[in-house]
Amino acid sequence: MYEYRKSDDVEALMEMAFFSFAVKRTEQELIKRFIDTGLSSGTEIYGVYDSNKLVAAYLLYPFQIRFRNSMIPMGGIGLVCSRPDYRGKGTIRFMLEKSIETMRAKGMVVSMLYPFNVSFYRKYGWELFFRKKLVLLSPGSLIAKENPSITAEYLKFPDEVCKEFYNEHARKEYNLALRDDHHWKRHLELSNNEAANGVVKFERDGKIVGMMALYLSSGEAMFESIVTVKDFIYNDNETKETMLNYLKRLSLQVTKLRMVLPEDFLLWPYLSDQPSEEKIGNAGMIRIVSVEKLDGLSVDFELEPLIVSVNDKFSEENTGNFEIKAEGGFLRISRTTKSPDIECDISCLSSVISGFTNFKEMIEAGRVQVFEGYRGQDMPKVTTFNLEPF
């Protein structure tokens, strides 16, 4: 009989992770540092035991993320792995089901993960949440203008001004997460085997107006260097152009520029040529941990009362009929005995409430059953995006 509980067996977790993710020996120390840093800042190991042997485990990361217009507690599920001799024996299913109970007990409202396989996690209630745009280009192809009144300063680690600026934007943009020093350390210092990582702070009249994170690494060819850009955050278009101009000036030292961006980031007007590569790919998945705890979520739309019959195979608390409406800037969700207008599973509802999709698309995809009383009520889509590594 399996037992699920919190664990402190880091060595067993790492052995399972190295096998599950085929981690090269040269990268194993980095994974160990990544785990140790997380455990020192609130991350916990939970796993499945067979007698006293850890046979499956995951890391639970606590975050505060923007969801619609509110900041809510989110549980990040990372490093899901198991022993090879326990594959196909129900350990992962048992563990993921128990993880919902753990996150609910901790007051987490939603959960996010990066899937190795979308259909696998969809079975357990997660659904696609956001995509990211990856652009590879020559820095010299940027044609943005520089504003001489905006100054740039490279920092190995963000100062207090940068951290406050980032968190200010995290509260009002996409699905960004609030960060403290531990989050920044994981985001910068322990992300990969780059040659150098840091942030660039942009100021005008002594006040910060923009920032971005840079990661310098070597390419496959001799003397090839690549800069990866994340957290491209700015207050106005003049700052955006100055930041792009800063990247253009790196062309004397950098061969390629890789930018990790939200889907709606407008880049093409600032390019003199086509990028070497541009693609948009699915990234994270979302799951509602507690439907009723989403009551009171801040939103910017109105929604007439809609009765949704929700199916959640792994949580009785999320199963049943709920009345969902939005009025006065807040989402209202409560249980009801009224007959449903539509029916869907928890994964579908999670993605719709996040703004990644809507009921119209899910009805067309056959993911929502429609009953006679449905009048087309729906929630608007928004651009969703998150960049936390776990």
Foldseek 3Di string as FASTA:
>chain_A
DKDKDWDDCLVLLLVFLCVVVVDDPVCSVLVSVLVVLQVVPPKTKMAIDDVNDGFWIWIWHWWFWQFAQATFIETETGSTGGDPVCPPVCRSVVHLLVVLVVCVVVRGFKYKYWDPDQVVCVVQFWHFAAKKKKFKAQLQQFAFDADVQKDKDWDQFDDPLVLVVLQVVRNPDFTETRDDRSQRCSVFVSVDPFPGKTKMFIDGPRHTFWMWIWTWHADPDPLAIEIEIDRGDGNDVNVSSNVSVVSSVCNVRHGMYMYIGFPPDDDVVRGNDGTPDMDMDTTMIMFGSAPQVLFFPFHDDWWDWFWEQEARPSDPRRGAIWIWTDDPRTIHIDHDPDDGQKYAYRNVVGNQSSQVDKVVVCVVVVRMGGDDPDDPTMDHHDGHDYDRDD
